[in-house]
Amino acid sequence: MKKCEAEPYRDIDFSDGKRGPVIEPEPGKTKIAIRLDNRVIEHFRALVERAGGGNYQTLINDALVDQIQQASMLDTVRQILREEISAGKVRQLAPRRSTGASVRKVSAGR
């Protein structure tokens, strides 16, 4: 076993030091504490491991942002449909095509 020696004592001047993070957080992000199911954490950690590195918290954030965008898009489509229906601009859908079997029966009957 290798023996370790303690570093010699040094006087370090912290009089100009400032409290707080060394690297400022990204704007628009807030640090919170949240309780998630173990399955959620394990899933995102496994994704990071398979990718060869990264941050599982970033993946969770990205998944939540994607969910918000998807919900927003669906709300927009629903609103457009409501407006079109109320304006009477939506036409009835074209009738569905019949199956090949019924087409053959009609053809054979002629």
PDB file of N, CA and C in Angstrom:
ATOM      1  N   MET A   1       0.842  -1.171   0.000  1.00  0.00           N
ATOM      2  CA  MET A   1       0.000   0.000   0.000  1.00  0.00           C
ATOM      3  C   MET A   1       0.889   1.236   0.000  1.00  0.00           C
ATOM      4  N   LYS A   2       0.559   2.188  -0.854  1.00  0.00           N
ATOM      5  CA  LYS A   2       1.343   3.401  -0.976  1.00  0.00           C
ATOM      6  C   LYS A   2       1.001   4.359   0.153  1.00  0.00           C
ATOM      7  N   LYS A   3       2.042   4.905   0.774  1.00  0.00           N
ATOM      8  CA  LYS A   3       1.817   5.861   1.857  1.00  0.00           C
ATOM      9  C   LYS A   3       1.603   7.245   1.276  1.00  0.00           C
ATOM     10  N   CYS A   4       0.648   7.944   1.826  1.00  0.00           N
ATOM     11  CA  CYS A   4       0.362   9.306   1.384  1.00  0.00           C
ATOM     12  C   CYS A   4       0.899  10.286   2.416  1.00  0.00           C
ATOM     13  N   GLU A   5       1.466  11.354   1.903  1.00  0.00           N
ATOM     14  CA  GLU A   5       1.920  12.401   2.807  1.00  0.00           C
ATOM     15  C   GLU A   5       0.977  13.583   2.699  1.00  0.00           C
ATOM     16  N   ALA A   6       0.734  14.202   3.826  1.00  0.00           N
ATOM     17  CA  ALA A   6      -0.117  15.384   3.837  1.00  0.00           C
ATOM     18  C   ALA A   6       0.608  16.546   3.181  1.00  0.00           C
ATOM     19  N   GLU A   7      -0.162  17.372   2.517  1.00  0.00           N
ATOM     20  CA  GLU A   7       0.423  18.559   1.896  1.00  0.00           C
ATOM     21  C   GLU A   7       0.906  19.502   2.991  1.00  0.00           C
ATOM     22  N   PRO A   8       2.034  20.139   2.769  1.00  0.00           N
ATOM     23  CA  PRO A   8       2.510  21.067   3.806  1.00  0.00           C
ATOM     24  C   PRO A   8       1.526  22.223   3.996  1.00  0.00           C
ATOM     25  N   TYR A   9       1.484  22.738   5.197  1.00  0.00           N
ATOM     26  CA  TYR A   9       0.559  23.823   5.526  1.00  0.00           C
ATOM     27  C   TYR A   9       0.884  25.052   4.697  1.00  0.00           C
ATOM     28  N   ARG A  10      -0.185  25.675   4.133  1.00  0.00           N
ATOM     29  CA  ARG A  10      -0.007  26.924   3.385  1.00  0.00           C
ATOM     30  C   ARG A  10      -0.992  27.948   3.911  1.00  0.00           C
ATOM     31  N   ASP A  11      -0.571  29.165   3.922  1.00  0.00           N
ATOM     32  CA  ASP A  11      -1.490  30.256   4.242  1.00  0.00           C
ATOM     33  C   ASP A  11      -2.171  30.672   2.950  1.00  0.00           C
ATOM     34  N   ILE A  12      -3.485  30.524   2.891  1.00  0.00           N
ATOM     35  CA  ILE A  12      -4.236  30.920   1.713  1.00  0.00           C
ATOM     36  C   ILE A  12      -5.091  32.112   2.102  1.00  0.00           C
ATOM     37  N   ASP A  13      -5.016  33.172   1.308  1.00  0.00           N
ATOM     38  CA  ASP A  13      -5.737  34.404   1.590  1.00  0.00           C
ATOM     39  C   ASP A  13      -7.098  34.367   0.898  1.00  0.00           C
ATOM     40  N   PHE A  14      -8.170  34.307   1.679  1.00  0.00           N
ATOM     41  CA  PHE A  14      -9.530  34.298   1.147  1.00  0.00           C
ATOM     42  C   PHE A  14     -10.208  35.659   1.311  1.00  0.00           C
ATOM     43  N   SER A  15      -9.433  36.704   1.597  1.00  0.00           N
ATOM     44  CA  SER A  15     -10.043  38.013   1.854  1.00  0.00           C
ATOM     45  C   SER A  15     -10.754  38.564   0.622  1.00  0.00           C
ATOM     46  N   ASP A  16     -10.320  38.192  -0.594  1.00  0.00           N
ATOM     47  CA  ASP A  16     -10.978  38.658  -1.814  1.00  0.00           C
ATOM     48  C   ASP A  16     -11.983  37.634  -2.355  1.00  0.00           C
ATOM     49  N   GLY A  17     -12.180  36.567  -1.617  1.00  0.00           N
ATOM     50  CA  GLY A  17     -13.083  35.517  -2.070  1.00  0.00           C
ATOM     51  C   GLY A  17     -14.537  35.958  -2.023  1.00  0.00           C
ATOM     52  N   LYS A  18     -15.360  35.345  -2.883  1.00  0.00           N
ATOM     53  CA  LYS A  18     -16.785  35.639  -2.925  1.00  0.00           C
ATOM     54  C   LYS A  18     -17.564  34.351  -2.744  1.00  0.00           C
ATOM     55  N   ARG A  19     -18.664  34.443  -2.012  1.00  0.00           N
ATOM     56  CA  ARG A  19     -19.523  33.283  -1.808  1.00  0.00           C
ATOM     57  C   ARG A  19     -20.354  33.049  -3.053  1.00  0.00           C
ATOM     58  N   GLY A  20     -20.725  31.811  -3.249  1.00  0.00           N
ATOM     59  CA  GLY A  20     -21.610  31.487  -4.354  1.00  0.00           C
ATOM     60  C   GLY A  20     -20.959  30.519  -5.316  1.00  0.00           C
ATOM     61  N   PRO A  21     -21.702  30.164  -6.362  1.00  0.00           N
ATOM     62  CA  PRO A  21     -21.186  29.170  -7.299  1.00  0.00           C
ATOM     63  C   PRO A  21     -20.029  29.720  -8.128  1.00  0.00           C
ATOM     64  N   VAL A  22     -19.136  28.842  -8.490  1.00  0.00           N
ATOM     65  CA  VAL A  22     -18.011  29.225  -9.335  1.00  0.00           C
ATOM     66  C   VAL A  22     -18.520  29.492 -10.748  1.00  0.00           C
ATOM     67  N   ILE A  23     -19.414  28.638 -11.216  1.00  0.00           N
ATOM     68  CA  ILE A  23     -20.018  28.803 -12.535  1.00  0.00           C
ATOM     69  C   ILE A  23     -21.477  29.192 -12.323  1.00  0.00           C
ATOM     70  N   GLU A  24     -21.879  30.291 -12.911  1.00  0.00           N
ATOM     71  CA  GLU A  24     -23.258  30.746 -12.768  1.00  0.00           C
ATOM     72  C   GLU A  24     -24.195  29.780 -13.484  1.00  0.00           C
ATOM     73  N   PRO A  25     -25.366  29.510 -12.906  1.00  0.00           N
ATOM     74  CA  PRO A  25     -26.334  28.627 -13.575  1.00  0.00           C
ATOM     75  C   PRO A  25     -26.881  29.292 -14.834  1.00  0.00           C
ATOM     76  N   GLU A  26     -27.384  28.459 -15.742  1.00  0.00           N
ATOM     77  CA  GLU A  26     -27.986  28.971 -16.971  1.00  0.00           C
ATOM     78  C   GLU A  26     -29.204  29.816 -16.634  1.00  0.00           C
ATOM     79  N   PRO A  27     -29.396  30.919 -17.344  1.00  0.00           N
ATOM     80  CA  PRO A  27     -30.604  31.701 -17.093  1.00  0.00           C
ATOM     81  C   PRO A  27     -31.843  30.908 -17.503  1.00  0.00           C
ATOM     82  N   GLY A  28     -32.909  31.101 -16.773  1.00  0.00           N
ATOM     83  CA  GLY A  28     -34.148  30.403 -17.096  1.00  0.00           C
ATOM     84  C   GLY A  28     -34.276  29.048 -16.428  1.00  0.00           C
ATOM     85  N   LYS A  29     -33.339  28.703 -15.575  1.00  0.00           N
ATOM     86  CA  LYS A  29     -33.428  27.429 -14.855  1.00  0.00           C
ATOM     87  C   LYS A  29     -33.444  27.718 -13.359  1.00  0.00           C
ATOM     88  N   THR A  30     -34.214  26.920 -12.638  1.00  0.00           N
ATOM     89  CA  THR A  30     -34.345  27.072 -11.201  1.00  0.00           C
ATOM     90  C   THR A  30     -34.026  25.750 -10.527  1.00  0.00           C
ATOM     91  N   LYS A  31     -33.236  25.816  -9.482  1.00  0.00           N
ATOM     92  CA  LYS A  31     -32.904  24.607  -8.736  1.00  0.00           C
ATOM     93  C   LYS A  31     -34.057  24.301  -7.783  1.00  0.00           C
ATOM     94  N   ILE A  32     -34.545  23.055  -7.852  1.00  0.00           N
ATOM     95  CA  ILE A  32     -35.633  22.633  -6.972  1.00  0.00           C
ATOM     96  C   ILE A  32     -35.317  21.246  -6.428  1.00  0.00           C
ATOM     97  N   ALA A  33     -36.075  20.845  -5.458  1.00  0.00           N
ATOM     98  CA  ALA A  33     -36.014  19.472  -4.961  1.00  0.00           C
ATOM     99  C   ALA A  33     -37.338  18.816  -5.351  1.00  0.00           C
ATOM    100  N   ILE A  34     -37.261  17.632  -5.925  1.00  0.00           N
ATOM    101  CA  ILE A  34     -38.464  16.948  -6.388  1.00  0.00           C
ATOM    102  C   ILE A  34     -38.324  15.462  -6.097  1.00  0.00           C
ATOM    103  N   ARG A  35     -39.411  14.834  -5.770  1.00  0.00           N
ATOM    104  CA  ARG A  35     -39.401  13.389  -5.534  1.00  0.00           C
ATOM    105  C   ARG A  35     -39.961  12.700  -6.761  1.00  0.00           C
ATOM    106  N   LEU A  36     -39.173  11.802  -7.331  1.00  0.00           N
ATOM    107  CA  LEU A  36     -39.585  11.040  -8.502  1.00  0.00           C
ATOM    108  C   LEU A  36     -39.548   9.557  -8.169  1.00  0.00           C
ATOM    109  N   ASP A  37     -40.347   8.783  -8.877  1.00  0.00           N
ATOM    110  CA  ASP A  37     -40.318   7.333  -8.695  1.00  0.00           C
ATOM    111  C   ASP A  37     -38.930   6.807  -9.046  1.00  0.00           C
ATOM    112  N   ASN A  38     -38.528   5.776  -8.344  1.00  0.00           N
ATOM    113  CA  ASN A  38     -37.226   5.159  -8.634  1.00  0.00           C
ATOM    114  C   ASN A  38     -37.148   4.685 -10.079  1.00  0.00           C
ATOM    115  N   ARG A  39     -38.272   4.203 -10.606  1.00  0.00           N
ATOM    116  CA  ARG A  39     -38.292   3.731 -12.004  1.00  0.00           C
ATOM    117  C   ARG A  39     -37.932   4.849 -12.969  1.00  0.00           C
ATOM    118  N   VAL A  40     -38.400   6.063 -12.687  1.00  0.00           N
ATOM    119  CA  VAL A  40     -38.110   7.199 -13.560  1.00  0.00           C
ATOM    120  C   VAL A  40     -36.615   7.495 -13.539  1.00  0.00           C
ATOM    121  N   ILE A  41     -36.059   7.581 -12.346  1.00  0.00           N
ATOM    122  CA  ILE A  41     -34.620   7.871 -12.208  1.00  0.00           C
ATOM    123  C   ILE A  41     -33.800   6.778 -12.878  1.00  0.00           C
ATOM    124  N   GLU A  42     -34.125   5.522 -12.604  1.00  0.00           N
ATOM    125  CA  GLU A  42     -33.367   4.404 -13.189  1.00  0.00           C
ATOM    126  C   GLU A  42     -33.451   4.425 -14.712  1.00  0.00           C
ATOM    127  N   HIS A  43     -34.619   4.744 -15.252  1.00  0.00           N
ATOM    128  CA  HIS A  43     -34.792   4.791 -16.705  1.00  0.00           C
ATOM    129  C   HIS A  43     -33.862   5.831 -17.332  1.00  0.00           C
ATOM    130  N   PHE A  44     -33.875   7.038 -16.787  1.00  0.00           N
ATOM    131  CA  PHE A  44     -33.061   8.103 -17.379  1.00  0.00           C
ATOM    132  C   PHE A  44     -31.569   7.889 -17.124  1.00  0.00           C
ATOM    133  N   ARG A  45     -31.215   7.325 -15.989  1.00  0.00           N
ATOM    134  CA  ARG A  45     -29.796   7.002 -15.753  1.00  0.00           C
ATOM    135  C   ARG A  45     -29.323   5.934 -16.733  1.00  0.00           C
ATOM    136  N   ALA A  46     -30.180   4.958 -17.026  1.00  0.00           N
ATOM    137  CA  ALA A  46     -29.828   3.914 -17.987  1.00  0.00           C
ATOM    138  C   ALA A  46     -29.660   4.514 -19.384  1.00  0.00           C
ATOM    139  N   LEU A  47     -30.509   5.474 -19.747  1.00  0.00           N
ATOM    140  CA  LEU A  47     -30.364   6.139 -21.043  1.00  0.00           C
ATOM    141  C   LEU A  47     -29.017   6.842 -21.153  1.00  0.00           C
ATOM    142  N   VAL A  48     -28.620   7.504 -20.083  1.00  0.00           N
ATOM    143  CA  VAL A  48     -27.334   8.203 -20.075  1.00  0.00           C
ATOM    144  C   VAL A  48     -26.190   7.195 -20.175  1.00  0.00           C
ATOM    145  N   GLU A  49     -26.310   6.104 -19.454  1.00  0.00           N
ATOM    146  CA  GLU A  49     -25.256   5.082 -19.482  1.00  0.00           C
ATOM    147  C   GLU A  49     -25.117   4.484 -20.878  1.00  0.00           C
ATOM    148  N   ARG A  50     -26.255   4.190 -21.528  1.00  0.00           N
ATOM    149  CA  ARG A  50     -26.204   3.640 -22.887  1.00  0.00           C
ATOM    150  C   ARG A  50     -25.612   4.641 -23.878  1.00  0.00           C
ATOM    151  N   ALA A  51     -25.861   5.930 -23.621  1.00  0.00           N
ATOM    152  CA  ALA A  51     -25.336   6.973 -24.518  1.00  0.00           C
ATOM    153  C   ALA A  51     -23.857   7.223 -24.284  1.00  0.00           C
ATOM    154  N   GLY A  52     -23.323   6.664 -23.215  1.00  0.00           N
ATOM    155  CA  GLY A  52     -21.904   6.831 -22.934  1.00  0.00           C
ATOM    156  C   GLY A  52     -21.574   8.053 -22.098  1.00  0.00           C
ATOM    157  N   GLY A  53     -22.564   8.636 -21.481  1.00  0.00           N
ATOM    158  CA  GLY A  53     -22.311   9.778 -20.607  1.00  0.00           C
ATOM    159  C   GLY A  53     -23.369  10.844 -20.796  1.00  0.00           C
ATOM    160  N   GLY A  54     -23.338  11.791 -19.918  1.00  0.00           N
ATOM    161  CA  GLY A  54     -24.301  12.879 -19.971  1.00  0.00           C
ATOM    162  C   GLY A  54     -24.912  13.103 -18.604  1.00  0.00           C
ATOM    163  N   ASN A  55     -26.045  13.759 -18.582  1.00  0.00           N
ATOM    164  CA  ASN A  55     -26.692  14.107 -17.328  1.00  0.00           C
ATOM    165  C   ASN A  55     -28.147  13.648 -17.382  1.00  0.00           C
ATOM    166  N   TYR A  56     -28.518  12.772 -16.492  1.00  0.00           N
ATOM    167  CA  TYR A  56     -29.881  12.245 -16.506  1.00  0.00           C
ATOM    168  C   TYR A  56     -30.902  13.330 -16.174  1.00  0.00           C
ATOM    169  N   GLN A  57     -30.502  14.329 -15.389  1.00  0.00           N
ATOM    170  CA  GLN A  57     -31.432  15.400 -15.048  1.00  0.00           C
ATOM    171  C   GLN A  57     -31.776  16.230 -16.286  1.00  0.00           C
ATOM    172  N   THR A  58     -30.806  16.407 -17.165  1.00  0.00           N
ATOM    173  CA  THR A  58     -31.056  17.121 -18.414  1.00  0.00           C
ATOM    174  C   THR A  58     -32.041  16.340 -19.270  1.00  0.00           C
ATOM    175  N   LEU A  59     -31.908  15.014 -19.294  1.00  0.00           N
ATOM    176  CA  LEU A  59     -32.844  14.188 -20.065  1.00  0.00           C
ATOM    177  C   LEU A  59     -34.261  14.292 -19.509  1.00  0.00           C
ATOM    178  N   ILE A  60     -34.394  14.309 -18.194  1.00  0.00           N
ATOM    179  CA  ILE A  60     -35.712  14.460 -17.580  1.00  0.00           C
ATOM    180  C   ILE A  60     -36.294  15.815 -17.962  1.00  0.00           C
ATOM    181  N   ASN A  61     -35.476  16.864 -17.890  1.00  0.00           N
ATOM    182  CA  ASN A  61     -35.929  18.200 -18.270  1.00  0.00           C
ATOM    183  C   ASN A  61     -36.383  18.221 -19.733  1.00  0.00           C
ATOM    184  N   ASP A  62     -35.580  17.612 -20.614  1.00  0.00           N
ATOM    185  CA  ASP A  62     -35.923  17.577 -22.043  1.00  0.00           C
ATOM    186  C   ASP A  62     -37.235  16.834 -22.280  1.00  0.00           C
ATOM    187  N   ALA A  63     -37.456  15.742 -21.549  1.00  0.00           N
ATOM    188  CA  ALA A  63     -38.701  14.974 -21.692  1.00  0.00           C
ATOM    189  C   ALA A  63     -39.902  15.815 -21.253  1.00  0.00           C
ATOM    190  N   LEU A  64     -39.743  16.582 -20.188  1.00  0.00           N
ATOM    191  CA  LEU A  64     -40.839  17.432 -19.719  1.00  0.00           C
ATOM    192  C   LEU A  64     -41.119  18.568 -20.710  1.00  0.00           C
ATOM    193  N   VAL A  65     -40.069  19.160 -21.263  1.00  0.00           N
ATOM    194  CA  VAL A  65     -40.244  20.224 -22.260  1.00  0.00           C
ATOM    195  C   VAL A  65     -40.950  19.674 -23.497  1.00  0.00           C
ATOM    196  N   ASP A  66     -40.543  18.465 -23.945  1.00  0.00           N
ATOM    197  CA  ASP A  66     -41.203  17.831 -25.093  1.00  0.00           C
ATOM    198  C   ASP A  66     -42.688  17.614 -24.822  1.00  0.00           C
ATOM    199  N   GLN A  67     -43.016  17.199 -23.615  1.00  0.00           N
ATOM    200  CA  GLN A  67     -44.418  16.972 -23.247  1.00  0.00           C
ATOM    201  C   GLN A  67     -45.205  18.275 -23.313  1.00  0.00           C
ATOM    202  N   ILE A  68     -44.624  19.355 -22.832  1.00  0.00           N
ATOM    203  CA  ILE A  68     -45.288  20.661 -22.868  1.00  0.00           C
ATOM    204  C   ILE A  68     -45.523  21.088 -24.312  1.00  0.00           C
ATOM    205  N   GLN A  69     -44.506  20.925 -25.168  1.00  0.00           N
ATOM    206  CA  GLN A  69     -44.637  21.319 -26.565  1.00  0.00           C
ATOM    207  C   GLN A  69     -45.691  20.484 -27.283  1.00  0.00           C
ATOM    208  N   GLN A  70     -45.717  19.193 -26.998  1.00  0.00           N
ATOM    209  CA  GLN A  70     -46.701  18.312 -27.630  1.00  0.00           C
ATOM    210  C   GLN A  70     -48.113  18.712 -27.202  1.00  0.00           C
ATOM    211  N   ALA A  71     -48.291  18.961 -25.918  1.00  0.00           N
ATOM    212  CA  ALA A  71     -49.612  19.363 -25.422  1.00  0.00           C
ATOM    213  C   ALA A  71     -50.019  20.696 -26.030  1.00  0.00           C
ATOM    214  N   SER A  72     -49.074  21.606 -26.167  1.00  0.00           N
ATOM    215  CA  SER A  72     -49.355  22.910 -26.763  1.00  0.00           C
ATOM    216  C   SER A  72     -49.777  22.763 -28.222  1.00  0.00           C
ATOM    217  N   MET A  73     -49.101  21.876 -28.957  1.00  0.00           N
ATOM    218  CA  MET A  73     -49.439  21.661 -30.360  1.00  0.00           C
ATOM    219  C   MET A  73     -50.843  21.076 -30.477  1.00  0.00           C
ATOM    220  N   LEU A  74     -51.174  20.113 -29.636  1.00  0.00           N
ATOM    221  CA  LEU A  74     -52.509  19.512 -29.665  1.00  0.00           C
ATOM    222  C   LEU A  74     -53.585  20.549 -29.342  1.00  0.00           C
ATOM    223  N   ASP A  75     -53.301  21.406 -28.370  1.00  0.00           N
ATOM    224  CA  ASP A  75     -54.256  22.465 -28.029  1.00  0.00           C
ATOM    225  C   ASP A  75     -54.468  23.410 -29.211  1.00  0.00           C
ATOM    226  N   THR A  76     -53.396  23.720 -29.920  1.00  0.00           N
ATOM    227  CA  THR A  76     -53.489  24.602 -31.083  1.00  0.00           C
ATOM    228  C   THR A  76     -54.329  23.969 -32.181  1.00  0.00           C
ATOM    229  N   VAL A  77     -54.092  22.693 -32.465  1.00  0.00           N
ATOM    230  CA  VAL A  77     -54.868  21.991 -33.492  1.00  0.00           C
ATOM    231  C   VAL A  77     -56.341  21.939 -33.101  1.00  0.00           C
ATOM    232  N   ARG A  78     -56.608  21.643 -31.847  1.00  0.00           N
ATOM    233  CA  ARG A  78     -58.004  21.603 -31.385  1.00  0.00           C
ATOM    234  C   ARG A  78     -58.672  22.966 -31.546  1.00  0.00           C
ATOM    235  N   GLN A  79     -57.954  24.037 -31.210  1.00  0.00           N
ATOM    236  CA  GLN A  79     -58.507  25.385 -31.328  1.00  0.00           C
ATOM    237  C   GLN A  79     -58.808  25.717 -32.782  1.00  0.00           C
ATOM    238  N   ILE A  80     -57.911  25.371 -33.688  1.00  0.00           N
ATOM    239  CA  ILE A  80     -58.129  25.623 -35.113  1.00  0.00           C
ATOM    240  C   ILE A  80     -59.357  24.866 -35.601  1.00  0.00           C
ATOM    241  N   LEU A  81     -59.484  23.598 -35.201  1.00  0.00           N
ATOM    242  CA  LEU A  81     -60.649  22.808 -35.601  1.00  0.00           C
ATOM    243  C   LEU A  81     -61.943  23.411 -35.072  1.00  0.00           C
ATOM    244  N   ARG A  82     -61.932  23.865 -33.827  1.00  0.00           N
ATOM    245  CA  ARG A  82     -63.133  24.493 -33.266  1.00  0.00           C
ATOM    246  C   ARG A  82     -63.520  25.738 -34.060  1.00  0.00           C
ATOM    247  N   GLU A  83     -62.523  26.547 -34.401  1.00  0.00           N
ATOM    248  CA  GLU A  83     -62.796  27.769 -35.163  1.00  0.00           C
ATOM    249  C   GLU A  83     -63.344  27.438 -36.553  1.00  0.00           C
ATOM    250  N   GLU A  84     -62.757  26.437 -37.195  1.00  0.00           N
ATOM    251  CA  GLU A  84     -63.211  26.050 -38.530  1.00  0.00           C
ATOM    252  C   GLU A  84     -64.634  25.490 -38.481  1.00  0.00           C
ATOM    253  N   ILE A  85     -64.915  24.683 -37.479  1.00  0.00           N
ATOM    254  CA  ILE A  85     -66.254  24.099 -37.350  1.00  0.00           C
ATOM    255  C   ILE A  85     -67.272  25.189 -37.076  1.00  0.00           C
ATOM    256  N   SER A  86     -66.941  26.112 -36.177  1.00  0.00           N
ATOM    257  CA  SER A  86     -67.901  27.175 -35.861  1.00  0.00           C
ATOM    258  C   SER A  86     -68.120  28.109 -37.043  1.00  0.00           C
ATOM    259  N   ALA A  87     -67.136  28.236 -37.923  1.00  0.00           N
ATOM    260  CA  ALA A  87     -67.281  29.076 -39.111  1.00  0.00           C
ATOM    261  C   ALA A  87     -67.955  28.315 -40.250  1.00  0.00           C
ATOM    262  N   GLY A  88     -68.185  27.029 -40.054  1.00  0.00           N
ATOM    263  CA  GLY A  88     -68.837  26.212 -41.065  1.00  0.00           C
ATOM    264  C   GLY A  88     -67.943  25.890 -42.246  1.00  0.00           C
ATOM    265  N   LYS A  89     -66.648  25.949 -42.047  1.00  0.00           N
ATOM    266  CA  LYS A  89     -65.714  25.715 -43.146  1.00  0.00           C
ATOM    267  C   LYS A  89     -65.303  24.261 -43.289  1.00  0.00           C
ATOM    268  N   VAL A  90     -65.614  23.455 -42.316  1.00  0.00           N
ATOM    269  CA  VAL A  90     -65.199  22.059 -42.383  1.00  0.00           C
ATOM    270  C   VAL A  90     -66.227  21.274 -43.178  1.00  0.00           C
ATOM    271  N   ARG A  91     -65.772  20.626 -44.214  1.00  0.00           N
ATOM    272  CA  ARG A  91     -66.664  19.807 -45.048  1.00  0.00           C
ATOM    273  C   ARG A  91     -66.673  18.394 -44.501  1.00  0.00           C
ATOM    274  N   GLN A  92     -67.688  17.666 -44.848  1.00  0.00           N
ATOM    275  CA  GLN A  92     -67.744  16.279 -44.404  1.00  0.00           C
ATOM    276  C   GLN A  92     -66.592  15.518 -45.016  1.00  0.00           C
ATOM    277  N   LEU A  93     -66.107  14.558 -44.276  1.00  0.00           N
ATOM    278  CA  LEU A  93     -65.036  13.717 -44.786  1.00  0.00           C
ATOM    279  C   LEU A  93     -65.546  12.885 -45.942  1.00  0.00           C
ATOM    280  N   ALA A  94     -64.664  12.584 -46.869  1.00  0.00           N
ATOM    281  CA  ALA A  94     -65.043  11.740 -48.011  1.00  0.00           C
ATOM    282  C   ALA A  94     -65.442  10.370 -47.492  1.00  0.00           C
ATOM    283  N   PRO A  95     -66.425   9.741 -48.128  1.00  0.00           N
ATOM    284  CA  PRO A  95     -66.830   8.406 -47.670  1.00  0.00           C
ATOM    285  C   PRO A  95     -65.658   7.436 -47.791  1.00  0.00           C
ATOM    286  N   ARG A  96     -65.625   6.520 -46.877  1.00  0.00           N
ATOM    287  CA  ARG A  96     -64.553   5.520 -46.889  1.00  0.00           C
ATOM    288  C   ARG A  96     -64.713   4.600 -48.074  1.00  0.00           C
ATOM    289  N   ARG A  97     -63.577   4.194 -48.593  1.00  0.00           N
ATOM    290  CA  ARG A  97     -63.618   3.228 -49.698  1.00  0.00           C
ATOM    291  C   ARG A  97     -64.068   1.880 -49.173  1.00  0.00           C
ATOM    292  N   SER A  98     -64.792   1.196 -49.997  1.00  0.00           N
ATOM    293  CA  SER A  98     -65.234  -0.125 -49.580  1.00  0.00           C
ATOM    294  C   SER A  98     -64.093  -1.107 -49.773  1.00  0.00           C
ATOM    295  N   THR A  99     -64.201  -2.226 -49.152  1.00  0.00           N
ATOM    296  CA  THR A  99     -63.153  -3.242 -49.264  1.00  0.00           C
ATOM    297  C   THR A  99     -63.180  -3.866 -50.648  1.00  0.00           C
ATOM    298  N   GLY A 100     -62.130  -4.514 -51.013  1.00  0.00           N
ATOM    299  CA  GLY A 100     -62.017  -5.142 -52.327  1.00  0.00           C
ATOM    300  C   GLY A 100     -63.108  -6.163 -52.579  1.00  0.00           C
ATOM    301  N   ALA A 101     -63.558  -6.861 -51.539  1.00  0.00           N
ATOM    302  CA  ALA A 101     -64.564  -7.910 -51.704  1.00  0.00           C
ATOM    303  C   ALA A 101     -65.885  -7.309 -52.168  1.00  0.00           C
ATOM    304  N   SER A 102     -66.286  -6.190 -51.567  1.00  0.00           N
ATOM    305  CA  SER A 102     -67.568  -5.616 -51.961  1.00  0.00           C
ATOM    306  C   SER A 102     -67.477  -4.979 -53.346  1.00  0.00           C
ATOM    307  N   VAL A 103     -66.301  -4.493 -53.711  1.00  0.00           N
ATOM    308  CA  VAL A 103     -66.126  -3.933 -55.050  1.00  0.00           C
ATOM    309  C   VAL A 103     -66.274  -5.039 -56.084  1.00  0.00           C
ATOM    310  N   ARG A 104     -65.714  -6.175 -55.787  1.00  0.00           N
ATOM    311  CA  ARG A 104     -65.809  -7.306 -56.734  1.00  0.00           C
ATOM    312  C   ARG A 104     -67.258  -7.738 -56.906  1.00  0.00           C
ATOM    313  N   LYS A 105     -68.020  -7.729 -55.816  1.00  0.00           N
ATOM    314  CA  LYS A 105     -69.425  -8.136 -55.911  1.00  0.00           C
ATOM    315  C   LYS A 105     -70.188  -7.170 -56.806  1.00  0.00           C
ATOM    316  N   VAL A 106     -69.938  -5.876 -56.657  1.00  0.00           N
ATOM    317  CA  VAL A 106     -70.624  -4.873 -57.480  1.00  0.00           C
ATOM    318  C   VAL A 106     -70.234  -5.063 -58.926  1.00  0.00           C
ATOM    319  N   SER A 107     -68.950  -5.294 -59.206  1.00  0.00           N
ATOM    320  CA  SER A 107     -68.479  -5.473 -60.579  1.00  0.00           C
ATOM    321  C   SER A 107     -69.085  -6.720 -61.193  1.00  0.00           C
ATOM    322  N   ALA A 108     -69.162  -7.773 -60.404  1.00  0.00           N
ATOM    323  CA  ALA A 108     -69.670  -9.036 -60.929  1.00  0.00           C
ATOM    324  C   ALA A 108     -71.161  -8.932 -61.228  1.00  0.00           C
ATOM    325  N   GLY A 109     -71.877  -8.090 -60.523  1.00  0.00           N
ATOM    326  CA  GLY A 109     -73.304  -7.960 -60.690  1.00  0.00           C
ATOM    327  C   GLY A 109     -73.686  -7.178 -61.939  1.00  0.00           C
ATOM    328  N   ARG A 110     -72.760  -6.457 -62.544  1.00  0.00           N
ATOM    329  CA  ARG A 110     -73.093  -5.634 -63.731  1.00  0.00           C
ATOM    330  C   ARG A 110     -73.238  -6.416 -64.943  1.00  0.00           C
TER     331      ARG A 110
END
